[in-house]
Amino acid sequence: MIKLTKLNKSEFYLNPDLIKSIEETPDTIVELINDDHILIRENPMEIIDKIISYRARILRQSRQQLDGEDAVAEAPPP
């Protein structure tokens, strides 16, 4: 989930997989896959950076989990 701010300054978390498009007109409008629209304070590049960080964090955690499983599999029996 990524943390975003609505125009009224309320913060919320959004699953970035639900984003269909991001438009700047001059406010930032996030369109979701269900065709809902949300006006956001962050500019499109800030949102994209948050999405990239979110996905990188998921990949990092997946890699750590796989590395941990490999270490257990390689450990000699007691």
PDB file of N, CA and C in Angstrom:
ATOM      1  N   MET A   1       0.843  -1.171   0.000  1.00  0.00           N
ATOM      2  CA  MET A   1       0.000   0.000   0.000  1.00  0.00           C
ATOM      3  C   MET A   1       0.898   1.248   0.000  1.00  0.00           C
ATOM      4  N   ILE A   2       0.412   2.286  -0.647  1.00  0.00           N
ATOM      5  CA  ILE A   2       1.144   3.549  -0.654  1.00  0.00           C
ATOM      6  C   ILE A   2       0.297   4.601   0.058  1.00  0.00           C
ATOM      7  N   LYS A   3       0.973   5.486   0.775  1.00  0.00           N
ATOM      8  CA  LYS A   3       0.294   6.530   1.524  1.00  0.00           C
ATOM      9  C   LYS A   3       0.151   7.768   0.637  1.00  0.00           C
ATOM     10  N   LEU A   4      -1.086   8.243   0.475  1.00  0.00           N
ATOM     11  CA  LEU A   4      -1.366   9.417  -0.331  1.00  0.00           C
ATOM     12  C   LEU A   4      -2.180  10.419   0.485  1.00  0.00           C
ATOM     13  N   THR A   5      -2.289  11.636  -0.037  1.00  0.00           N
ATOM     14  CA  THR A   5      -3.011  12.703   0.655  1.00  0.00           C
ATOM     15  C   THR A   5      -4.061  13.285  -0.277  1.00  0.00           C
ATOM     16  N   LYS A   6      -5.295  13.307   0.202  1.00  0.00           N
ATOM     17  CA  LYS A   6      -6.364  13.931  -0.572  1.00  0.00           C
ATOM     18  C   LYS A   6      -6.222  15.448  -0.500  1.00  0.00           C
ATOM     19  N   LEU A   7      -6.966  16.156  -1.335  1.00  0.00           N
ATOM     20  CA  LEU A   7      -6.889  17.615  -1.341  1.00  0.00           C
ATOM     21  C   LEU A   7      -7.283  18.222   0.002  1.00  0.00           C
ATOM     22  N   ASN A   8      -8.170  17.558   0.746  1.00  0.00           N
ATOM     23  CA  ASN A   8      -8.579  18.070   2.061  1.00  0.00           C
ATOM     24  C   ASN A   8      -7.572  17.734   3.164  1.00  0.00           C
ATOM     25  N   LYS A   9      -6.390  17.244   2.758  1.00  0.00           N
ATOM     26  CA  LYS A   9      -5.255  16.907   3.625  1.00  0.00           C
ATOM     27  C   LYS A   9      -5.442  15.624   4.424  1.00  0.00           C
ATOM     28  N   SER A  10      -6.490  14.857   4.157  1.00  0.00           N
ATOM     29  CA  SER A  10      -6.638  13.574   4.845  1.00  0.00           C
ATOM     30  C   SER A  10      -5.757  12.541   4.137  1.00  0.00           C
ATOM     31  N   GLU A  11      -5.067  11.749   4.939  1.00  0.00           N
ATOM     32  CA  GLU A  11      -4.163  10.739   4.409  1.00  0.00           C
ATOM     33  C   GLU A  11      -4.877   9.396   4.357  1.00  0.00           C
ATOM     34  N   PHE A  12      -4.512   8.604   3.368  1.00  0.00           N
ATOM     35  CA  PHE A  12      -5.081   7.274   3.233  1.00  0.00           C
ATOM     36  C   PHE A  12      -4.070   6.381   2.512  1.00  0.00           C
ATOM     37  N   TYR A  13      -4.320   5.092   2.565  1.00  0.00           N
ATOM     38  CA  TYR A  13      -3.447   4.125   1.906  1.00  0.00           C
ATOM     39  C   TYR A  13      -4.192   3.515   0.725  1.00  0.00           C
ATOM     40  N   LEU A  14      -3.480   3.386  -0.385  1.00  0.00           N
ATOM     41  CA  LEU A  14      -4.075   2.873  -1.610  1.00  0.00           C
ATOM     42  C   LEU A  14      -3.229   1.723  -2.144  1.00  0.00           C
ATOM     43  N   ASN A  15      -3.898   0.675  -2.555  1.00  0.00           N
ATOM     44  CA  ASN A  15      -3.226  -0.424  -3.227  1.00  0.00           C
ATOM     45  C   ASN A  15      -2.884   0.055  -4.639  1.00  0.00           C
ATOM     46  N   PRO A  16      -1.612   0.190  -4.993  1.00  0.00           N
ATOM     47  CA  PRO A  16      -1.254   0.736  -6.300  1.00  0.00           C
ATOM     48  C   PRO A  16      -1.693  -0.142  -7.474  1.00  0.00           C
ATOM     49  N   ASP A  17      -2.006  -1.407  -7.211  1.00  0.00           N
ATOM     50  CA  ASP A  17      -2.494  -2.279  -8.278  1.00  0.00           C
ATOM     51  C   ASP A  17      -3.885  -1.852  -8.756  1.00  0.00           C
ATOM     52  N   LEU A  18      -4.553  -0.990  -7.987  1.00  0.00           N
ATOM     53  CA  LEU A  18      -5.887  -0.521  -8.364  1.00  0.00           C
ATOM     54  C   LEU A  18      -5.847   0.726  -9.249  1.00  0.00           C
ATOM     55  N   ILE A  19      -4.653   1.281  -9.457  1.00  0.00           N
ATOM     56  CA  ILE A  19      -4.532   2.514 -10.237  1.00  0.00           C
ATOM     57  C   ILE A  19      -4.588   2.202 -11.727  1.00  0.00           C
ATOM     58  N   LYS A  20      -5.491   2.877 -12.398  1.00  0.00           N
ATOM     59  CA  LYS A  20      -5.636   2.741 -13.845  1.00  0.00           C
ATOM     60  C   LYS A  20      -4.836   3.825 -14.557  1.00  0.00           C
ATOM     61  N   SER A  21      -4.910   5.070 -14.042  1.00  0.00           N
ATOM     62  CA  SER A  21      -4.156   6.173 -14.640  1.00  0.00           C
ATOM     63  C   SER A  21      -3.970   7.287 -13.620  1.00  0.00           C
ATOM     64  N   ILE A  22      -2.982   8.140 -13.909  1.00  0.00           N
ATOM     65  CA  ILE A  22      -2.703   9.323 -13.090  1.00  0.00           C
ATOM     66  C   ILE A  22      -2.641  10.504 -14.047  1.00  0.00           C
ATOM     67  N   GLU A  23      -3.396  11.550 -13.727  1.00  0.00           N
ATOM     68  CA  GLU A  23      -3.476  12.713 -14.611  1.00  0.00           C
ATOM     69  C   GLU A  23      -3.266  13.987 -13.804  1.00  0.00           C
ATOM     70  N   GLU A  24      -2.565  14.939 -14.390  1.00  0.00           N
ATOM     71  CA  GLU A  24      -2.319  16.222 -13.732  1.00  0.00           C
ATOM     72  C   GLU A  24      -3.034  17.312 -14.534  1.00  0.00           C
ATOM     73  N   THR A  25      -4.033  17.970 -13.899  1.00  0.00           N
ATOM     74  CA  THR A  25      -4.891  18.889 -14.669  1.00  0.00           C
ATOM     75  C   THR A  25      -5.345  20.162 -13.950  1.00  0.00           C
ATOM     76  N   PRO A  26      -4.753  20.997 -13.266  1.00  0.00           N
ATOM     77  CA  PRO A  26      -3.448  20.927 -12.629  1.00  0.00           C
ATOM     78  C   PRO A  26      -3.439  20.075 -11.369  1.00  0.00           C
ATOM     79  N   ASP A  27      -4.632  19.783 -10.786  1.00  0.00           N
ATOM     80  CA  ASP A  27      -4.650  18.851  -9.653  1.00  0.00           C
ATOM     81  C   ASP A  27      -4.336  17.453 -10.166  1.00  0.00           C
ATOM     82  N   THR A  28      -3.842  16.617  -9.284  1.00  0.00           N
ATOM     83  CA  THR A  28      -3.554  15.238  -9.663  1.00  0.00           C
ATOM     84  C   THR A  28      -4.811  14.401  -9.453  1.00  0.00           C
ATOM     85  N   ILE A  29      -5.208  13.708 -10.498  1.00  0.00           N
ATOM     86  CA  ILE A  29      -6.379  12.844 -10.452  1.00  0.00           C
ATOM     87  C   ILE A  29      -5.906  11.408 -10.649  1.00  0.00           C
ATOM     88  N   VAL A  30      -6.228  10.563  -9.692  1.00  0.00           N
ATOM     89  CA  VAL A  30      -5.921   9.139  -9.802  1.00  0.00           C
ATOM     90  C   VAL A  30      -7.222   8.438 -10.172  1.00  0.00           C
ATOM     91  N   GLU A  31      -7.193   7.745 -11.302  1.00  0.00           N
ATOM     92  CA  GLU A  31      -8.348   6.960 -11.719  1.00  0.00           C
ATOM     93  C   GLU A  31      -8.079   5.507 -11.373  1.00  0.00           C
ATOM     94  N   LEU A  32      -9.050   4.882 -10.732  1.00  0.00           N
ATOM     95  CA  LEU A  32      -8.909   3.493 -10.313  1.00  0.00           C
ATOM     96  C   LEU A  32      -9.534   2.564 -11.346  1.00  0.00           C
ATOM     97  N   ILE A  33      -9.225   1.288 -11.250  1.00  0.00           N
ATOM     98  CA  ILE A  33      -9.719   0.324 -12.226  1.00  0.00           C
ATOM     99  C   ILE A  33     -11.240   0.191 -12.194  1.00  0.00           C
ATOM    100  N   ASN A  34     -11.874   0.606 -11.088  1.00  0.00           N
ATOM    101  CA  ASN A  34     -13.341   0.569 -11.028  1.00  0.00           C
ATOM    102  C   ASN A  34     -13.946   1.893 -11.505  1.00  0.00           C
ATOM    103  N   ASP A  35     -13.100   2.754 -12.119  1.00  0.00           N
ATOM    104  CA  ASP A  35     -13.478   4.064 -12.678  1.00  0.00           C
ATOM    105  C   ASP A  35     -13.745   5.135 -11.634  1.00  0.00           C
ATOM    106  N   ASP A  36     -13.494   4.868 -10.358  1.00  0.00           N
ATOM    107  CA  ASP A  36     -13.527   5.932  -9.340  1.00  0.00           C
ATOM    108  C   ASP A  36     -12.361   6.871  -9.588  1.00  0.00           C
ATOM    109  N   HIS A  37     -12.521   8.133  -9.179  1.00  0.00           N
ATOM    110  CA  HIS A  37     -11.467   9.146  -9.306  1.00  0.00           C
ATOM    111  C   HIS A  37     -11.201   9.746  -7.925  1.00  0.00           C
ATOM    112  N   ILE A  38      -9.930   9.984  -7.636  1.00  0.00           N
ATOM    113  CA  ILE A  38      -9.533  10.595  -6.363  1.00  0.00           C
ATOM    114  C   ILE A  38      -8.608  11.761  -6.672  1.00  0.00           C
ATOM    115  N   LEU A  39      -8.894  12.912  -6.073  1.00  0.00           N
ATOM    116  CA  LEU A  39      -8.010  14.067  -6.211  1.00  0.00           C
ATOM    117  C   LEU A  39      -6.928  13.971  -5.143  1.00  0.00           C
ATOM    118  N   ILE A  40      -5.670  14.080  -5.568  1.00  0.00           N
ATOM    119  CA  ILE A  40      -4.521  13.834  -4.706  1.00  0.00           C
ATOM    120  C   ILE A  40      -3.621  15.066  -4.661  1.00  0.00           C
ATOM    121  N   ARG A  41      -3.024  15.331  -3.504  1.00  0.00           N
ATOM    122  CA  ARG A  41      -2.098  16.460  -3.344  1.00  0.00           C
ATOM    123  C   ARG A  41      -0.741  16.194  -3.991  1.00  0.00           C
ATOM    124  N   GLU A  42      -0.282  14.932  -3.966  1.00  0.00           N
ATOM    125  CA  GLU A  42       1.019  14.600  -4.545  1.00  0.00           C
ATOM    126  C   GLU A  42       0.961  14.739  -6.064  1.00  0.00           C
ATOM    127  N   ASN A  43       2.098  15.095  -6.641  1.00  0.00           N
ATOM    128  CA  ASN A  43       2.146  15.166  -8.104  1.00  0.00           C
ATOM    129  C   ASN A  43       2.365  13.756  -8.663  1.00  0.00           C
ATOM    130  N   PRO A  44       2.122  13.558  -9.958  1.00  0.00           N
ATOM    131  CA  PRO A  44       2.241  12.210 -10.534  1.00  0.00           C
ATOM    132  C   PRO A  44       3.600  11.542 -10.299  1.00  0.00           C
ATOM    133  N   MET A  45       4.692  12.291 -10.405  1.00  0.00           N
ATOM    134  CA  MET A  45       6.014  11.681 -10.205  1.00  0.00           C
ATOM    135  C   MET A  45       6.207  11.203  -8.768  1.00  0.00           C
ATOM    136  N   GLU A  46       5.656  11.924  -7.798  1.00  0.00           N
ATOM    137  CA  GLU A  46       5.731  11.481  -6.396  1.00  0.00           C
ATOM    138  C   GLU A  46       4.981  10.154  -6.235  1.00  0.00           C
ATOM    139  N   ILE A  47       3.829  10.052  -6.866  1.00  0.00           N
ATOM    140  CA  ILE A  47       3.044   8.817  -6.775  1.00  0.00           C
ATOM    141  C   ILE A  47       3.802   7.670  -7.430  1.00  0.00           C
ATOM    142  N   ILE A  48       4.368   7.919  -8.589  1.00  0.00           N
ATOM    143  CA  ILE A  48       5.142   6.885  -9.279  1.00  0.00           C
ATOM    144  C   ILE A  48       6.333   6.446  -8.431  1.00  0.00           C
ATOM    145  N   ASP A  49       7.026   7.395  -7.804  1.00  0.00           N
ATOM    146  CA  ASP A  49       8.147   7.051  -6.919  1.00  0.00           C
ATOM    147  C   ASP A  49       7.679   6.188  -5.753  1.00  0.00           C
ATOM    148  N   LYS A  50       6.511   6.490  -5.195  1.00  0.00           N
ATOM    149  CA  LYS A  50       5.972   5.686  -4.091  1.00  0.00           C
ATOM    150  C   LYS A  50       5.638   4.270  -4.559  1.00  0.00           C
ATOM    151  N   ILE A  51       5.105   4.161  -5.778  1.00  0.00           N
ATOM    152  CA  ILE A  51       4.778   2.840  -6.324  1.00  0.00           C
ATOM    153  C   ILE A  51       6.055   2.031  -6.529  1.00  0.00           C
ATOM    154  N   ILE A  52       7.087   2.660  -7.079  1.00  0.00           N
ATOM    155  CA  ILE A  52       8.360   1.967  -7.302  1.00  0.00           C
ATOM    156  C   ILE A  52       8.951   1.503  -5.973  1.00  0.00           C
ATOM    157  N   SER A  53       8.934   2.365  -4.965  1.00  0.00           N
ATOM    158  CA  SER A  53       9.460   1.994  -3.641  1.00  0.00           C
ATOM    159  C   SER A  53       8.667   0.840  -3.040  1.00  0.00           C
ATOM    160  N   TYR A  54       7.361   0.895  -3.179  1.00  0.00           N
ATOM    161  CA  TYR A  54       6.481  -0.157  -2.658  1.00  0.00           C
ATOM    162  C   TYR A  54       6.818  -1.504  -3.305  1.00  0.00           C
ATOM    163  N   ARG A  55       6.930  -1.504  -4.624  1.00  0.00           N
ATOM    164  CA  ARG A  55       7.206  -2.761  -5.335  1.00  0.00           C
ATOM    165  C   ARG A  55       8.619  -3.266  -5.045  1.00  0.00           C
ATOM    166  N   ALA A  56       9.579  -2.357  -4.911  1.00  0.00           N
ATOM    167  CA  ALA A  56      10.948  -2.757  -4.565  1.00  0.00           C
ATOM    168  C   ALA A  56      10.973  -3.390  -3.177  1.00  0.00           C
ATOM    169  N   ARG A  57      10.196  -2.838  -2.248  1.00  0.00           N
ATOM    170  CA  ARG A  57      10.121  -3.387  -0.889  1.00  0.00           C
ATOM    171  C   ARG A  57       9.549  -4.809  -0.921  1.00  0.00           C
ATOM    172  N   ILE A  58       8.533  -5.027  -1.746  1.00  0.00           N
ATOM    173  CA  ILE A  58       7.944  -6.366  -1.865  1.00  0.00           C
ATOM    174  C   ILE A  58       8.982  -7.350  -2.414  1.00  0.00           C
ATOM    175  N   LEU A  59       9.702  -6.946  -3.450  1.00  0.00           N
ATOM    176  CA  LEU A  59      10.728  -7.816  -4.029  1.00  0.00           C
ATOM    177  C   LEU A  59      11.837  -8.119  -3.026  1.00  0.00           C
ATOM    178  N   ARG A  60      12.252  -7.084  -2.266  1.00  0.00           N
ATOM    179  CA  ARG A  60      13.294  -7.269  -1.255  1.00  0.00           C
ATOM    180  C   ARG A  60      12.844  -8.278  -0.196  1.00  0.00           C
ATOM    181  N   GLN A  61      11.604  -8.113   0.285  1.00  0.00           N
ATOM    182  CA  GLN A  61      11.088  -9.017   1.312  1.00  0.00           C
ATOM    183  C   GLN A  61      10.933 -10.441   0.772  1.00  0.00           C
ATOM    184  N   SER A  62      10.523 -10.563  -0.483  1.00  0.00           N
ATOM    185  CA  SER A  62      10.405 -11.886  -1.094  1.00  0.00           C
ATOM    186  C   SER A  62      11.773 -12.554  -1.197  1.00  0.00           C
ATOM    187  N   ARG A  63      12.780 -11.773  -1.610  1.00  0.00           N
ATOM    188  CA  ARG A  63      14.134 -12.296  -1.730  1.00  0.00           C
ATOM    189  C   ARG A  63      14.655 -12.748  -0.359  1.00  0.00           C
ATOM    190  N   GLN A  64      14.406 -11.936   0.678  1.00  0.00           N
ATOM    191  CA  GLN A  64      14.866 -12.298   2.021  1.00  0.00           C
ATOM    192  C   GLN A  64      14.192 -13.583   2.485  1.00  0.00           C
ATOM    193  N   GLN A  65      12.911 -13.702   2.185  1.00  0.00           N
ATOM    194  CA  GLN A  65      12.193 -14.908   2.580  1.00  0.00           C
ATOM    195  C   GLN A  65      12.755 -16.126   1.843  1.00  0.00           C
ATOM    196  N   LEU A  66      13.001 -15.986   0.547  1.00  0.00           N
ATOM    197  CA  LEU A  66      13.573 -17.094  -0.217  1.00  0.00           C
ATOM    198  C   LEU A  66      14.969 -17.443   0.280  1.00  0.00           C
ATOM    199  N   ASP A  67      15.778 -16.426   0.576  1.00  0.00           N
ATOM    200  CA  ASP A  67      17.123 -16.675   1.097  1.00  0.00           C
ATOM    201  C   ASP A  67      17.048 -17.399   2.433  1.00  0.00           C
ATOM    202  N   GLY A  68      16.098 -17.039   3.265  1.00  0.00           N
ATOM    203  CA  GLY A  68      15.916 -17.710   4.551  1.00  0.00           C
ATOM    204  C   GLY A  68      15.512 -19.163   4.378  1.00  0.00           C
ATOM    205  N   GLU A  69      14.641 -19.423   3.412  1.00  0.00           N
ATOM    206  CA  GLU A  69      14.223 -20.805   3.141  1.00  0.00           C
ATOM    207  C   GLU A  69      15.378 -21.620   2.588  1.00  0.00           C
ATOM    208  N   ASP A  70      16.215 -21.010   1.751  1.00  0.00           N
ATOM    209  CA  ASP A  70      17.379 -21.704   1.204  1.00  0.00           C
ATOM    210  C   ASP A  70      18.355 -22.071   2.315  1.00  0.00           C
ATOM    211  N   ALA A  71      18.539 -21.159   3.262  1.00  0.00           N
ATOM    212  CA  ALA A  71      19.465 -21.410   4.374  1.00  0.00           C
ATOM    213  C   ALA A  71      18.974 -22.574   5.227  1.00  0.00           C
ATOM    214  N   VAL A  72      17.672 -22.652   5.442  1.00  0.00           N
ATOM    215  CA  VAL A  72      17.117 -23.751   6.231  1.00  0.00           C
ATOM    216  C   VAL A  72      17.271 -25.063   5.457  1.00  0.00           C
ATOM    217  N   ALA A  73      17.021 -25.032   4.147  1.00  0.00           N
ATOM    218  CA  ALA A  73      17.128 -26.241   3.337  1.00  0.00           C
ATOM    219  C   ALA A  73      18.562 -26.753   3.263  1.00  0.00           C
ATOM    220  N   GLU A  74      19.544 -25.834   3.303  1.00  0.00           N
ATOM    221  CA  GLU A  74      20.944 -26.219   3.189  1.00  0.00           C
ATOM    222  C   GLU A  74      21.562 -26.630   4.511  1.00  0.00           C
ATOM    223  N   ALA A  75      20.900 -26.331   5.614  1.00  0.00           N
ATOM    224  CA  ALA A  75      21.466 -26.636   6.949  1.00  0.00           C
ATOM    225  C   ALA A  75      21.522 -28.155   7.129  1.00  0.00           C
ATOM    226  N   PRO A  76      22.660 -28.627   7.661  1.00  0.00           N
ATOM    227  CA  PRO A  76      22.784 -30.074   7.896  1.00  0.00           C
ATOM    228  C   PRO A  76      21.860 -30.495   9.029  1.00  0.00           C
ATOM    229  N   PRO A  77      21.399 -31.710   9.003  1.00  0.00           N
ATOM    230  CA  PRO A  77      20.526 -32.192  10.097  1.00  0.00           C
ATOM    231  C   PRO A  77      21.305 -32.242  11.410  1.00  0.00           C
ATOM    232  N   PRO A  78      20.607 -32.016  12.521  1.00  0.00           N
ATOM    233  CA  PRO A  78      21.296 -32.022  13.837  1.00  0.00           C
ATOM    234  C   PRO A  78      21.779 -33.375  14.253  1.00  0.00           C
TER     235      PRO A  78
END
